[in-house]
Every structure is written in C-alpha cells, then in structure tokens.
Amino acid sequence: MLNRYKKNSEKIAMGLLSFMPEGKDVKNLLHTIKEYETNPDWHLYLWKQEDDVIGAIGVRIDGDQAIIQHISVNPSHRNCGVGKRMIKEIRNLYDTKYKVSAVDSIQQYFMRCIQED
C-alpha cells in the first residue's frame, strides 16, 4: 500500500533511497529528503507491506508532468512486483491531471512496467 511520506519515517526513507546508485552519498540523501519535505512539487511515497516499509517512490511535478525521479525497493523484496505496483499506484494517483513519466535513469524500467500493465 502506498503511503505519503511523513517526517517520522525519515530514516526508513533514507535507507530505501540509499539503495539507488546516486543514494550512496549521505549529504545527497539528506538534501533529497529535505527537498521532499519542503518543496511542494516533490512528493515521496513509501510502500508498506504488512507492517514493513519495503519501497519508496518519488515524484516531481513539472508543469503538466508528474516525473518519477526515485524508485527503490528493499533488496530482499525485489523481483516480486513491488516496483511495478508502486508505478501503477502513482499512475492511478496522477494520471488524470498529469502526464506520468520517469527520469532517464529509470525510464527503461518505467516503460517495461507500464507495458506489462
């Protein structure tokens, strides 16, 4: 289930985003989380399965586009369809008002997910 990020989940969100290639730098991670907390055009969601948060997906609104810029799944839950389900939920949330797309680094994965949908 997709849930909007809240400040009390900061460490969990940072941990999940650290699994991304650009998430290894702590300063960069802190900056990214701060941007999600303060920028009204940046939206971070956490994927909760049972009682565990196992995924994160971040969206940036830019004009008429909702751009998925971060997506990460806990390695022990990969290849189980979590990323695909997160993308589907984001499309359900934003598709009526925005054109949903993805940044270049995840574009290939995004296209594969929406083609299988």
C-alpha atoms as a PDB file:
ATOM      1  CA  MET A   1       0.000   0.000   0.000  1.00  0.00           C
ATOM      2  CA  LEU A   2       1.292   3.423  -0.973  1.00  0.00           C
ATOM      3  CA  ASN A   3       1.520   5.969   1.855  1.00  0.00           C
ATOM      4  CA  ARG A   4       2.604   9.599   1.723  1.00  0.00           C
ATOM      5  CA  TYR A   5       5.996  10.207   3.365  1.00  0.00           C
ATOM      6  CA  LYS A   6       5.949  11.724   6.847  1.00  0.00           C
ATOM      7  CA  LYS A   7       8.899  13.174   8.765  1.00  0.00           C
ATOM      8  CA  ASN A   8       8.800  10.348  11.340  1.00  0.00           C
ATOM      9  CA  SER A   9       9.741   7.938   8.520  1.00  0.00           C
ATOM     10  CA  GLU A  10      12.866   9.881   7.555  1.00  0.00           C
ATOM     11  CA  LYS A  11      15.388   7.162   8.441  1.00  0.00           C
ATOM     12  CA  ILE A  12      13.388   4.477   6.657  1.00  0.00           C
ATOM     13  CA  ALA A  13      13.062   6.660   3.547  1.00  0.00           C
ATOM     14  CA  MET A  14      16.769   7.494   3.589  1.00  0.00           C
ATOM     15  CA  GLY A  15      17.618   3.818   3.940  1.00  0.00           C
ATOM     16  CA  LEU A  16      15.467   2.895   0.961  1.00  0.00           C
ATOM     17  CA  LEU A  17      16.779   5.748  -1.201  1.00  0.00           C
ATOM     18  CA  SER A  18      20.339   4.731  -0.307  1.00  0.00           C
ATOM     19  CA  PHE A  19      19.817   1.553  -2.372  1.00  0.00           C
ATOM     20  CA  MET A  20      19.740   3.720  -5.512  1.00  0.00           C
ATOM     21  CA  PRO A  21      23.081   4.315  -7.261  1.00  0.00           C
ATOM     22  CA  GLU A  22      23.026   8.057  -6.541  1.00  0.00           C
ATOM     23  CA  GLY A  23      21.902   7.425  -2.944  1.00  0.00           C
ATOM     24  CA  LYS A  24      25.288   6.403  -1.559  1.00  0.00           C
ATOM     25  CA  ASP A  25      26.328   9.937  -0.561  1.00  0.00           C
ATOM     26  CA  VAL A  26      24.824  10.907   2.817  1.00  0.00           C
ATOM     27  CA  LYS A  27      24.869  14.641   2.031  1.00  0.00           C
ATOM     28  CA  ASN A  28      22.999  13.986  -1.197  1.00  0.00           C
ATOM     29  CA  LEU A  29      20.464  11.815   0.650  1.00  0.00           C
ATOM     30  CA  LEU A  30      19.878  14.490   3.283  1.00  0.00           C
ATOM     31  CA  HIS A  31      19.406  17.102   0.571  1.00  0.00           C
ATOM     32  CA  THR A  32      16.946  14.859  -1.292  1.00  0.00           C
ATOM     33  CA  ILE A  33      14.869  14.148   1.818  1.00  0.00           C
ATOM     34  CA  LYS A  34      14.858  17.864   2.714  1.00  0.00           C
ATOM     35  CA  GLU A  35      13.619  18.669  -0.791  1.00  0.00           C
ATOM     36  CA  TYR A  36      10.754  16.173  -0.407  1.00  0.00           C
ATOM     37  CA  GLU A  37       9.863  17.737   2.947  1.00  0.00           C
ATOM     38  CA  THR A  38       9.927  21.372   1.831  1.00  0.00           C
ATOM     39  CA  ASN A  39       9.251  21.561  -1.917  1.00  0.00           C
ATOM     40  CA  PRO A  40       5.501  21.459  -2.680  1.00  0.00           C
ATOM     41  CA  ASP A  41       6.248  19.994  -6.128  1.00  0.00           C
ATOM     42  CA  TRP A  42       8.165  16.988  -4.762  1.00  0.00           C
ATOM     43  CA  HIS A  43       6.137  14.065  -3.385  1.00  0.00           C
ATOM     44  CA  LEU A  44       7.599  10.982  -1.714  1.00  0.00           C
ATOM     45  CA  TYR A  45       5.602   7.830  -1.045  1.00  0.00           C
ATOM     46  CA  LEU A  46       6.517   4.727   0.912  1.00  0.00           C
ATOM     47  CA  TRP A  47       5.242   1.251   0.062  1.00  0.00           C
ATOM     48  CA  LYS A  48       4.096  -0.663   3.094  1.00  0.00           C
ATOM     49  CA  GLN A  49       3.527  -4.400   3.005  1.00  0.00           C
ATOM     50  CA  GLU A  50       2.056  -5.855   6.160  1.00  0.00           C
ATOM     51  CA  ASP A  51       3.989  -3.961   8.868  1.00  0.00           C
ATOM     52  CA  ASP A  52       7.157  -3.298   6.865  1.00  0.00           C
ATOM     53  CA  VAL A  53       8.045  -0.365   4.647  1.00  0.00           C
ATOM     54  CA  ILE A  54       9.770  -2.015   1.702  1.00  0.00           C
ATOM     55  CA  GLY A  55       9.765   0.577  -1.070  1.00  0.00           C
ATOM     56  CA  ALA A  56       9.930   4.271  -1.872  1.00  0.00           C
ATOM     57  CA  ILE A  57       8.919   6.248  -4.936  1.00  0.00           C
ATOM     58  CA  GLY A  58       9.397   9.949  -5.501  1.00  0.00           C
ATOM     59  CA  VAL A  59       7.558  12.192  -7.934  1.00  0.00           C
ATOM     60  CA  ARG A  60       8.325  15.739  -9.060  1.00  0.00           C
ATOM     61  CA  ILE A  61       5.596  17.865 -10.583  1.00  0.00           C
ATOM     62  CA  ASP A  62       6.841  19.954 -13.503  1.00  0.00           C
ATOM     63  CA  GLY A  63       4.105  21.790 -15.391  1.00  0.00           C
ATOM     64  CA  ASP A  64       1.739  19.174 -16.779  1.00  0.00           C
ATOM     65  CA  GLN A  65       4.074  16.287 -15.959  1.00  0.00           C
ATOM     66  CA  ALA A  66       4.477  14.061 -12.911  1.00  0.00           C
ATOM     67  CA  ILE A  67       8.011  12.742 -13.228  1.00  0.00           C
ATOM     68  CA  ILE A  68       9.065   9.688 -11.246  1.00  0.00           C
ATOM     69  CA  GLN A  69      12.577  10.544 -10.154  1.00  0.00           C
ATOM     70  CA  HIS A  70      13.286   7.986  -7.447  1.00  0.00           C
ATOM     71  CA  ILE A  71      12.193   4.396  -7.048  1.00  0.00           C
ATOM     72  CA  SER A  72      13.718   1.892  -4.683  1.00  0.00           C
ATOM     73  CA  VAL A  73      12.750  -1.466  -3.231  1.00  0.00           C
ATOM     74  CA  ASN A  74      14.412  -3.224  -0.329  1.00  0.00           C
ATOM     75  CA  PRO A  75      16.742  -5.820  -1.914  1.00  0.00           C
ATOM     76  CA  SER A  76      15.070  -8.709  -0.061  1.00  0.00           C
ATOM     77  CA  HIS A  77      11.749  -7.803  -1.752  1.00  0.00           C
ATOM     78  CA  ARG A  78      12.997  -7.247  -5.292  1.00  0.00           C
ATOM     79  CA  ASN A  79      11.681  -9.217  -8.256  1.00  0.00           C
ATOM     80  CA  CYS A  80       8.310  -9.584  -6.534  1.00  0.00           C
ATOM     81  CA  GLY A  81       6.462  -6.851  -8.442  1.00  0.00           C
ATOM     82  CA  VAL A  82       6.715  -4.139  -5.758  1.00  0.00           C
ATOM     83  CA  GLY A  83       8.243  -1.557  -8.102  1.00  0.00           C
ATOM     84  CA  LYS A  84       5.625  -2.266 -10.734  1.00  0.00           C
ATOM     85  CA  ARG A  85       2.819  -1.902  -8.175  1.00  0.00           C
ATOM     86  CA  MET A  86       4.270   1.414  -6.944  1.00  0.00           C
ATOM     87  CA  ILE A  87       4.387   2.755 -10.504  1.00  0.00           C
ATOM     88  CA  LYS A  88       0.823   1.601 -11.109  1.00  0.00           C
ATOM     89  CA  GLU A  89      -0.377   3.385  -7.958  1.00  0.00           C
ATOM     90  CA  ILE A  90       1.460   6.580  -8.908  1.00  0.00           C
ATOM     91  CA  ARG A  91      -0.139   6.453 -12.340  1.00  0.00           C
ATOM     92  CA  ASN A  92      -3.552   5.988 -10.704  1.00  0.00           C
ATOM     93  CA  LEU A  93      -2.914   8.995  -8.431  1.00  0.00           C
ATOM     94  CA  TYR A  94      -1.538  11.382 -11.045  1.00  0.00           C
ATOM     95  CA  ASP A  95      -2.712  10.205 -14.472  1.00  0.00           C
ATOM     96  CA  THR A  96      -5.942  12.205 -14.508  1.00  0.00           C
ATOM     97  CA  LYS A  97      -4.164  15.539 -14.031  1.00  0.00           C
ATOM     98  CA  TYR A  98      -0.604  14.949 -15.263  1.00  0.00           C
ATOM     99  CA  LYS A  99       1.319  13.010 -17.869  1.00  0.00           C
ATOM    100  CA  VAL A 100       3.295  10.490 -15.808  1.00  0.00           C
ATOM    101  CA  SER A 101       6.853   9.841 -16.944  1.00  0.00           C
ATOM    102  CA  ALA A 102      10.242   8.982 -15.455  1.00  0.00           C
ATOM    103  CA  VAL A 103      13.756  10.413 -15.379  1.00  0.00           C
ATOM    104  CA  ASP A 104      16.269   8.935 -17.811  1.00  0.00           C
ATOM    105  CA  SER A 105      17.931   6.694 -15.224  1.00  0.00           C
ATOM    106  CA  ILE A 106      14.711   4.743 -14.617  1.00  0.00           C
ATOM    107  CA  GLN A 107      12.964   5.314 -17.957  1.00  0.00           C
ATOM    108  CA  GLN A 108      13.668   1.806 -19.271  1.00  0.00           C
ATOM    109  CA  TYR A 109      12.275   0.189 -16.096  1.00  0.00           C
ATOM    110  CA  PHE A 110       9.258   2.534 -16.139  1.00  0.00           C
ATOM    111  CA  MET A 111       8.447   1.639 -19.756  1.00  0.00           C
ATOM    112  CA  ARG A 112       8.742  -2.070 -19.035  1.00  0.00           C
ATOM    113  CA  CYS A 113       6.358  -1.723 -16.088  1.00  0.00           C
ATOM    114  CA  ILE A 114       3.696   0.198 -17.981  1.00  0.00           C
ATOM    115  CA  GLN A 115       3.885  -2.144 -20.970  1.00  0.00           C
ATOM    116  CA  GLU A 116       3.207  -5.121 -18.694  1.00  0.00           C
ATOM    117  CA  ASP A 117       0.302  -3.278 -17.064  1.00  0.00           C
END
